[in-house]
Amino acid sequence: MRVCIVYDTKGGSTERVARAMAKAVGGIAKVGVFGVTENPDVERYDLIVIGAPVYYERPLPEVKEFLLSKNGLEEKAIAVFILCIADKFGKLGKKYTERRYLRMMTEHIRGRIIAVRVFDGWILREDPKTIGEAENWIKRVLDAFKSGEELGIEHPEGE
Protein backbone atom coordinates (compact mmCIF):
# COMPACT_ATOMS: atom_id res chain seq x y z
CA MET A 1 0.00 0.00 0.00
CA ARG A 2 1.23 3.48 -0.84
CA VAL A 3 0.22 6.41 1.40
CA CYS A 4 0.78 10.09 0.59
CA ILE A 5 0.66 12.49 3.53
CA VAL A 6 0.27 16.07 2.32
CA TYR A 7 0.28 18.99 4.73
CA ASP A 8 0.58 22.72 4.99
CA THR A 9 2.11 24.37 8.00
CA LYS A 10 2.93 27.79 9.31
CA GLY A 11 4.73 27.19 12.60
CA GLY A 12 5.79 23.60 11.99
CA SER A 13 3.26 21.74 14.14
CA THR A 14 1.33 20.23 11.22
CA GLU A 15 4.55 19.08 9.59
CA ARG A 16 5.61 17.48 12.88
CA VAL A 17 2.27 15.62 13.10
CA ALA A 18 2.49 14.51 9.45
CA ARG A 19 6.01 13.14 9.93
CA ALA A 20 4.99 11.36 13.16
CA MET A 21 2.16 9.70 11.25
CA ALA A 22 4.54 8.60 8.50
CA LYS A 23 6.95 7.13 11.02
CA ALA A 24 4.12 5.29 12.81
CA VAL A 25 3.06 3.42 9.66
CA GLY A 26 6.39 3.26 7.83
CA GLY A 27 6.71 -0.46 8.51
CA ILE A 28 3.16 -1.14 7.27
CA ALA A 29 3.04 0.97 4.09
CA LYS A 30 5.22 2.92 1.72
CA VAL A 31 4.76 6.52 2.81
CA GLY A 32 5.58 9.81 1.14
CA VAL A 33 5.36 13.06 3.12
CA PHE A 34 5.07 16.34 1.24
CA GLY A 35 4.23 19.97 1.82
CA VAL A 36 1.41 21.13 -0.46
CA THR A 37 3.79 23.47 -2.28
CA GLU A 38 5.89 20.45 -3.32
CA ASN A 39 2.95 19.41 -5.53
CA PRO A 40 3.31 15.63 -5.08
CA ASP A 41 2.15 13.22 -7.77
CA VAL A 42 -0.83 11.83 -5.85
CA GLU A 43 -1.80 9.47 -8.66
CA ARG A 44 0.97 7.11 -7.52
CA TYR A 45 -0.69 6.59 -4.11
CA ASP A 46 -3.61 4.50 -2.86
CA LEU A 47 -4.51 6.67 0.14
CA ILE A 48 -4.09 10.42 0.52
CA VAL A 49 -3.91 11.99 3.99
CA ILE A 50 -4.18 15.76 3.93
CA GLY A 51 -3.75 18.11 6.86
CA ALA A 52 -3.53 21.76 7.78
CA PRO A 53 -3.49 24.04 10.78
CA VAL A 54 -6.21 26.59 11.36
CA TYR A 55 -5.13 30.24 11.38
CA TYR A 56 -7.40 33.27 11.37
CA GLU A 57 -10.60 31.20 11.30
CA ARG A 58 -9.65 28.96 8.37
CA PRO A 59 -7.29 26.23 7.28
CA LEU A 60 -4.32 27.62 5.38
CA PRO A 61 -5.48 28.53 1.83
CA GLU A 62 -2.74 26.60 0.05
CA VAL A 63 -4.58 23.39 0.94
CA LYS A 64 -7.63 24.52 -1.02
CA GLU A 65 -5.40 25.49 -3.94
CA PHE A 66 -3.74 22.09 -3.83
CA LEU A 67 -7.09 20.27 -3.81
CA LEU A 68 -8.38 22.31 -6.73
CA SER A 69 -5.17 21.67 -8.69
CA LYS A 70 -5.64 17.92 -8.16
CA ASN A 71 -9.30 17.90 -9.25
CA GLY A 72 -10.43 17.42 -5.66
CA LEU A 73 -8.51 14.12 -5.47
CA GLU A 74 -11.30 12.53 -7.45
CA GLU A 75 -11.46 8.73 -7.23
CA LYS A 76 -9.02 8.64 -4.30
CA ALA A 77 -9.49 7.48 -0.72
CA ILE A 78 -8.76 10.41 1.57
CA ALA A 79 -8.26 11.08 5.26
CA VAL A 80 -8.35 14.67 6.50
CA PHE A 81 -6.93 16.22 9.65
CA ILE A 82 -6.58 19.69 11.09
CA LEU A 83 -4.69 21.12 14.02
CA CYS A 84 -6.65 23.69 15.95
CA ILE A 85 -6.78 25.16 19.44
CA ALA A 86 -10.56 25.81 19.32
CA ASP A 87 -11.16 22.41 20.94
CA LYS A 88 -9.68 23.88 24.10
CA PHE A 89 -12.87 25.97 24.42
CA GLY A 90 -15.05 23.03 25.40
CA LYS A 91 -17.92 21.31 23.64
CA LEU A 92 -19.04 24.43 21.77
CA GLY A 93 -15.51 24.99 20.48
CA LYS A 94 -15.36 21.38 19.34
CA LYS A 95 -18.70 21.57 17.54
CA TYR A 96 -17.70 24.85 15.89
CA THR A 97 -14.39 23.34 14.79
CA GLU A 98 -16.04 20.30 13.26
CA ARG A 99 -18.80 22.24 11.58
CA ARG A 100 -16.76 25.14 10.21
CA TYR A 101 -13.11 24.17 9.77
CA LEU A 102 -13.60 20.58 8.72
CA ARG A 103 -16.20 21.66 6.19
CA MET A 104 -13.71 24.15 4.79
CA MET A 105 -11.18 21.32 4.43
CA THR A 106 -13.56 18.82 2.86
CA GLU A 107 -15.79 20.94 0.59
CA HIS A 108 -13.34 20.77 -2.32
CA ILE A 109 -12.68 17.04 -2.03
CA ARG A 110 -14.28 14.90 -4.70
CA GLY A 111 -12.79 11.59 -3.61
CA ARG A 112 -14.05 9.24 -0.89
CA ILE A 113 -13.36 10.63 2.57
CA ILE A 114 -12.75 7.69 4.89
CA ALA A 115 -11.63 9.54 8.03
CA VAL A 116 -11.62 13.02 9.53
CA ARG A 117 -9.91 14.18 12.71
CA VAL A 118 -9.28 17.37 14.66
CA PHE A 119 -6.11 17.35 16.74
CA ASP A 120 -5.20 19.82 19.44
CA GLY A 121 -2.68 22.24 18.04
CA TRP A 122 0.04 23.99 19.97
CA ILE A 123 1.71 27.35 19.81
CA LEU A 124 4.82 27.35 21.93
CA ARG A 125 5.63 23.79 22.90
CA GLU A 126 4.99 20.51 21.10
CA ASP A 127 2.15 18.49 22.60
CA PRO A 128 3.21 14.85 23.01
CA LYS A 129 -0.43 13.85 23.53
CA THR A 130 -1.30 15.17 20.06
CA ILE A 131 1.63 13.30 18.53
CA GLY A 132 0.52 10.05 20.19
CA GLU A 133 -3.08 10.51 19.09
CA ALA A 134 -1.95 11.19 15.52
CA GLU A 135 0.17 8.02 15.48
CA ASN A 136 -2.76 5.95 16.72
CA TRP A 137 -5.24 7.61 14.34
CA ILE A 138 -3.19 6.95 11.21
CA LYS A 139 -2.98 3.26 12.12
CA ARG A 140 -6.78 3.11 12.44
CA VAL A 141 -7.09 4.94 9.10
CA LEU A 142 -4.91 2.32 7.39
CA ASP A 143 -6.93 -0.49 8.95
CA ALA A 144 -10.17 1.14 7.77
CA PHE A 145 -8.77 1.64 4.28
CA LYS A 146 -7.68 -2.00 4.04
CA SER A 147 -11.10 -3.24 5.14
CA GLY A 148 -13.07 -0.76 2.99
CA GLU A 149 -14.61 0.92 6.05
CA GLU A 150 -15.00 4.58 6.92
CA LEU A 151 -14.10 6.02 10.31
CA GLY A 152 -15.94 9.32 9.93
CA ILE A 153 -15.15 12.05 12.46
CA GLU A 154 -13.16 10.77 15.40
CA HIS A 155 -12.84 12.59 18.69
CA PRO A 156 -9.80 12.73 20.95
CA GLU A 157 -9.23 9.56 22.90
CA GLY A 158 -11.18 9.41 26.13
CA GLU A 159 -14.16 11.45 24.87
C-alpha atoms as a PDB file:
ATOM      1  CA  MET A   1       0.000   0.000   0.000  1.00  0.00           C
ATOM      2  CA  ARG A   2       1.229   3.485  -0.840  1.00  0.00           C
ATOM      3  CA  VAL A   3       0.223   6.415   1.398  1.00  0.00           C
ATOM      4  CA  CYS A   4       0.783  10.089   0.592  1.00  0.00           C
ATOM      5  CA  ILE A   5       0.656  12.492   3.531  1.00  0.00           C
ATOM      6  CA  VAL A   6       0.275  16.074   2.325  1.00  0.00           C
ATOM      7  CA  TYR A   7       0.279  18.988   4.728  1.00  0.00           C
ATOM      8  CA  ASP A   8       0.576  22.717   4.991  1.00  0.00           C
ATOM      9  CA  THR A   9       2.111  24.373   8.003  1.00  0.00           C
ATOM     10  CA  LYS A  10       2.928  27.785   9.313  1.00  0.00           C
ATOM     11  CA  GLY A  11       4.727  27.194  12.599  1.00  0.00           C
ATOM     12  CA  GLY A  12       5.794  23.597  11.993  1.00  0.00           C
ATOM     13  CA  SER A  13       3.256  21.735  14.144  1.00  0.00           C
ATOM     14  CA  THR A  14       1.327  20.226  11.224  1.00  0.00           C
ATOM     15  CA  GLU A  15       4.546  19.077   9.586  1.00  0.00           C
ATOM     16  CA  ARG A  16       5.605  17.476  12.880  1.00  0.00           C
ATOM     17  CA  VAL A  17       2.275  15.619  13.102  1.00  0.00           C
ATOM     18  CA  ALA A  18       2.492  14.505   9.450  1.00  0.00           C
ATOM     19  CA  ARG A  19       6.008  13.138   9.935  1.00  0.00           C
ATOM     20  CA  ALA A  20       4.991  11.365  13.160  1.00  0.00           C
ATOM     21  CA  MET A  21       2.155   9.700  11.254  1.00  0.00           C
ATOM     22  CA  ALA A  22       4.536   8.600   8.504  1.00  0.00           C
ATOM     23  CA  LYS A  23       6.952   7.127  11.016  1.00  0.00           C
ATOM     24  CA  ALA A  24       4.121   5.295  12.806  1.00  0.00           C
ATOM     25  CA  VAL A  25       3.059   3.422   9.657  1.00  0.00           C
ATOM     26  CA  GLY A  26       6.389   3.263   7.833  1.00  0.00           C
ATOM     27  CA  GLY A  27       6.706  -0.464   8.513  1.00  0.00           C
ATOM     28  CA  ILE A  28       3.162  -1.142   7.269  1.00  0.00           C
ATOM     29  CA  ALA A  29       3.036   0.966   4.095  1.00  0.00           C
ATOM     30  CA  LYS A  30       5.219   2.924   1.717  1.00  0.00           C
ATOM     31  CA  VAL A  31       4.761   6.523   2.814  1.00  0.00           C
ATOM     32  CA  GLY A  32       5.585   9.807   1.136  1.00  0.00           C
ATOM     33  CA  VAL A  33       5.359  13.062   3.124  1.00  0.00           C
ATOM     34  CA  PHE A  34       5.067  16.336   1.236  1.00  0.00           C
ATOM     35  CA  GLY A  35       4.229  19.968   1.816  1.00  0.00           C
ATOM     36  CA  VAL A  36       1.408  21.131  -0.455  1.00  0.00           C
ATOM     37  CA  THR A  37       3.791  23.474  -2.276  1.00  0.00           C
ATOM     38  CA  GLU A  38       5.890  20.453  -3.321  1.00  0.00           C
ATOM     39  CA  ASN A  39       2.952  19.409  -5.535  1.00  0.00           C
ATOM     40  CA  PRO A  40       3.310  15.634  -5.084  1.00  0.00           C
ATOM     41  CA  ASP A  41       2.149  13.222  -7.772  1.00  0.00           C
ATOM     42  CA  VAL A  42      -0.827  11.833  -5.847  1.00  0.00           C
ATOM     43  CA  GLU A  43      -1.802   9.468  -8.655  1.00  0.00           C
ATOM     44  CA  ARG A  44       0.967   7.112  -7.516  1.00  0.00           C
ATOM     45  CA  TYR A  45      -0.694   6.589  -4.107  1.00  0.00           C
ATOM     46  CA  ASP A  46      -3.607   4.501  -2.860  1.00  0.00           C
ATOM     47  CA  LEU A  47      -4.511   6.667   0.137  1.00  0.00           C
ATOM     48  CA  ILE A  48      -4.091  10.418   0.516  1.00  0.00           C
ATOM     49  CA  VAL A  49      -3.909  11.986   3.988  1.00  0.00           C
ATOM     50  CA  ILE A  50      -4.176  15.760   3.931  1.00  0.00           C
ATOM     51  CA  GLY A  51      -3.745  18.105   6.863  1.00  0.00           C
ATOM     52  CA  ALA A  52      -3.528  21.763   7.780  1.00  0.00           C
ATOM     53  CA  PRO A  53      -3.492  24.038  10.782  1.00  0.00           C
ATOM     54  CA  VAL A  54      -6.211  26.594  11.357  1.00  0.00           C
ATOM     55  CA  TYR A  55      -5.131  30.236  11.378  1.00  0.00           C
ATOM     56  CA  TYR A  56      -7.398  33.266  11.370  1.00  0.00           C
ATOM     57  CA  GLU A  57     -10.600  31.202  11.302  1.00  0.00           C
ATOM     58  CA  ARG A  58      -9.654  28.961   8.368  1.00  0.00           C
ATOM     59  CA  PRO A  59      -7.287  26.231   7.280  1.00  0.00           C
ATOM     60  CA  LEU A  60      -4.320  27.615   5.383  1.00  0.00           C
ATOM     61  CA  PRO A  61      -5.485  28.533   1.832  1.00  0.00           C
ATOM     62  CA  GLU A  62      -2.741  26.602   0.053  1.00  0.00           C
ATOM     63  CA  VAL A  63      -4.579  23.386   0.943  1.00  0.00           C
ATOM     64  CA  LYS A  64      -7.635  24.523  -1.023  1.00  0.00           C
ATOM     65  CA  GLU A  65      -5.401  25.492  -3.945  1.00  0.00           C
ATOM     66  CA  PHE A  66      -3.738  22.090  -3.826  1.00  0.00           C
ATOM     67  CA  LEU A  67      -7.089  20.270  -3.807  1.00  0.00           C
ATOM     68  CA  LEU A  68      -8.376  22.311  -6.734  1.00  0.00           C
ATOM     69  CA  SER A  69      -5.168  21.673  -8.693  1.00  0.00           C
ATOM     70  CA  LYS A  70      -5.641  17.924  -8.161  1.00  0.00           C
ATOM     71  CA  ASN A  71      -9.302  17.902  -9.248  1.00  0.00           C
ATOM     72  CA  GLY A  72     -10.426  17.416  -5.656  1.00  0.00           C
ATOM     73  CA  LEU A  73      -8.515  14.117  -5.468  1.00  0.00           C
ATOM     74  CA  GLU A  74     -11.304  12.531  -7.449  1.00  0.00           C
ATOM     75  CA  GLU A  75     -11.465   8.728  -7.226  1.00  0.00           C
ATOM     76  CA  LYS A  76      -9.022   8.641  -4.295  1.00  0.00           C
ATOM     77  CA  ALA A  77      -9.495   7.476  -0.722  1.00  0.00           C
ATOM     78  CA  ILE A  78      -8.758  10.410   1.568  1.00  0.00           C
ATOM     79  CA  ALA A  79      -8.257  11.081   5.264  1.00  0.00           C
ATOM     80  CA  VAL A  80      -8.353  14.675   6.499  1.00  0.00           C
ATOM     81  CA  PHE A  81      -6.932  16.221   9.649  1.00  0.00           C
ATOM     82  CA  ILE A  82      -6.583  19.688  11.092  1.00  0.00           C
ATOM     83  CA  LEU A  83      -4.694  21.124  14.022  1.00  0.00           C
ATOM     84  CA  CYS A  84      -6.648  23.695  15.953  1.00  0.00           C
ATOM     85  CA  ILE A  85      -6.782  25.157  19.441  1.00  0.00           C
ATOM     86  CA  ALA A  86     -10.561  25.813  19.323  1.00  0.00           C
ATOM     87  CA  ASP A  87     -11.162  22.406  20.939  1.00  0.00           C
ATOM     88  CA  LYS A  88      -9.678  23.877  24.104  1.00  0.00           C
ATOM     89  CA  PHE A  89     -12.871  25.971  24.421  1.00  0.00           C
ATOM     90  CA  GLY A  90     -15.054  23.025  25.404  1.00  0.00           C
ATOM     91  CA  LYS A  91     -17.920  21.310  23.635  1.00  0.00           C
ATOM     92  CA  LEU A  92     -19.038  24.428  21.771  1.00  0.00           C
ATOM     93  CA  GLY A  93     -15.511  24.991  20.477  1.00  0.00           C
ATOM     94  CA  LYS A  94     -15.359  21.377  19.341  1.00  0.00           C
ATOM     95  CA  LYS A  95     -18.704  21.575  17.535  1.00  0.00           C
ATOM     96  CA  TYR A  96     -17.697  24.845  15.887  1.00  0.00           C
ATOM     97  CA  THR A  97     -14.386  23.337  14.790  1.00  0.00           C
ATOM     98  CA  GLU A  98     -16.037  20.305  13.258  1.00  0.00           C
ATOM     99  CA  ARG A  99     -18.802  22.244  11.575  1.00  0.00           C
ATOM    100  CA  ARG A 100     -16.761  25.138  10.214  1.00  0.00           C
ATOM    101  CA  TYR A 101     -13.113  24.174   9.771  1.00  0.00           C
ATOM    102  CA  LEU A 102     -13.599  20.577   8.720  1.00  0.00           C
ATOM    103  CA  ARG A 103     -16.201  21.660   6.195  1.00  0.00           C
ATOM    104  CA  MET A 104     -13.706  24.147   4.786  1.00  0.00           C
ATOM    105  CA  MET A 105     -11.176  21.317   4.432  1.00  0.00           C
ATOM    106  CA  THR A 106     -13.560  18.825   2.858  1.00  0.00           C
ATOM    107  CA  GLU A 107     -15.787  20.941   0.593  1.00  0.00           C
ATOM    108  CA  HIS A 108     -13.337  20.766  -2.325  1.00  0.00           C
ATOM    109  CA  ILE A 109     -12.676  17.043  -2.027  1.00  0.00           C
ATOM    110  CA  ARG A 110     -14.281  14.898  -4.699  1.00  0.00           C
ATOM    111  CA  GLY A 111     -12.792  11.594  -3.612  1.00  0.00           C
ATOM    112  CA  ARG A 112     -14.047   9.238  -0.893  1.00  0.00           C
ATOM    113  CA  ILE A 113     -13.358  10.625   2.573  1.00  0.00           C
ATOM    114  CA  ILE A 114     -12.746   7.688   4.889  1.00  0.00           C
ATOM    115  CA  ALA A 115     -11.632   9.541   8.034  1.00  0.00           C
ATOM    116  CA  VAL A 116     -11.616  13.024   9.529  1.00  0.00           C
ATOM    117  CA  ARG A 117      -9.915  14.183  12.706  1.00  0.00           C
ATOM    118  CA  VAL A 118      -9.281  17.367  14.665  1.00  0.00           C
ATOM    119  CA  PHE A 119      -6.112  17.345  16.739  1.00  0.00           C
ATOM    120  CA  ASP A 120      -5.202  19.824  19.443  1.00  0.00           C
ATOM    121  CA  GLY A 121      -2.680  22.237  18.044  1.00  0.00           C
ATOM    122  CA  TRP A 122       0.036  23.995  19.966  1.00  0.00           C
ATOM    123  CA  ILE A 123       1.706  27.347  19.805  1.00  0.00           C
ATOM    124  CA  LEU A 124       4.822  27.350  21.932  1.00  0.00           C
ATOM    125  CA  ARG A 125       5.628  23.788  22.905  1.00  0.00           C
ATOM    126  CA  GLU A 126       4.991  20.508  21.098  1.00  0.00           C
ATOM    127  CA  ASP A 127       2.146  18.495  22.599  1.00  0.00           C
ATOM    128  CA  PRO A 128       3.211  14.847  23.011  1.00  0.00           C
ATOM    129  CA  LYS A 129      -0.433  13.850  23.528  1.00  0.00           C
ATOM    130  CA  THR A 130      -1.304  15.172  20.065  1.00  0.00           C
ATOM    131  CA  ILE A 131       1.627  13.301  18.531  1.00  0.00           C
ATOM    132  CA  GLY A 132       0.524  10.052  20.193  1.00  0.00           C
ATOM    133  CA  GLU A 133      -3.084  10.510  19.094  1.00  0.00           C
ATOM    134  CA  ALA A 134      -1.947  11.188  15.515  1.00  0.00           C
ATOM    135  CA  GLU A 135       0.174   8.025  15.478  1.00  0.00           C
ATOM    136  CA  ASN A 136      -2.760   5.946  16.717  1.00  0.00           C
ATOM    137  CA  TRP A 137      -5.236   7.611  14.340  1.00  0.00           C
ATOM    138  CA  ILE A 138      -3.193   6.950  11.205  1.00  0.00           C
ATOM    139  CA  LYS A 139      -2.977   3.255  12.120  1.00  0.00           C
ATOM    140  CA  ARG A 140      -6.785   3.109  12.435  1.00  0.00           C
ATOM    141  CA  VAL A 141      -7.086   4.938   9.102  1.00  0.00           C
ATOM    142  CA  LEU A 142      -4.910   2.315   7.390  1.00  0.00           C
ATOM    143  CA  ASP A 143      -6.932  -0.492   8.951  1.00  0.00           C
ATOM    144  CA  ALA A 144     -10.174   1.145   7.770  1.00  0.00           C
ATOM    145  CA  PHE A 145      -8.771   1.644   4.276  1.00  0.00           C
ATOM    146  CA  LYS A 146      -7.679  -2.000   4.035  1.00  0.00           C
ATOM    147  CA  SER A 147     -11.101  -3.235   5.138  1.00  0.00           C
ATOM    148  CA  GLY A 148     -13.069  -0.760   2.992  1.00  0.00           C
ATOM    149  CA  GLU A 149     -14.611   0.925   6.046  1.00  0.00           C
ATOM    150  CA  GLU A 150     -15.000   4.582   6.918  1.00  0.00           C
ATOM    151  CA  LEU A 151     -14.099   6.024  10.314  1.00  0.00           C
ATOM    152  CA  GLY A 152     -15.941   9.324   9.928  1.00  0.00           C
ATOM    153  CA  ILE A 153     -15.147  12.046  12.456  1.00  0.00           C
ATOM    154  CA  GLU A 154     -13.156  10.771  15.399  1.00  0.00           C
ATOM    155  CA  HIS A 155     -12.844  12.594  18.692  1.00  0.00           C
ATOM    156  CA  PRO A 156      -9.804  12.728  20.947  1.00  0.00           C
ATOM    157  CA  GLU A 157      -9.234   9.556  22.904  1.00  0.00           C
ATOM    158  CA  GLY A 158     -11.183   9.409  26.130  1.00  0.00           C
ATOM    159  CA  GLU A 159     -14.156  11.452  24.868  1.00  0.00           C
END
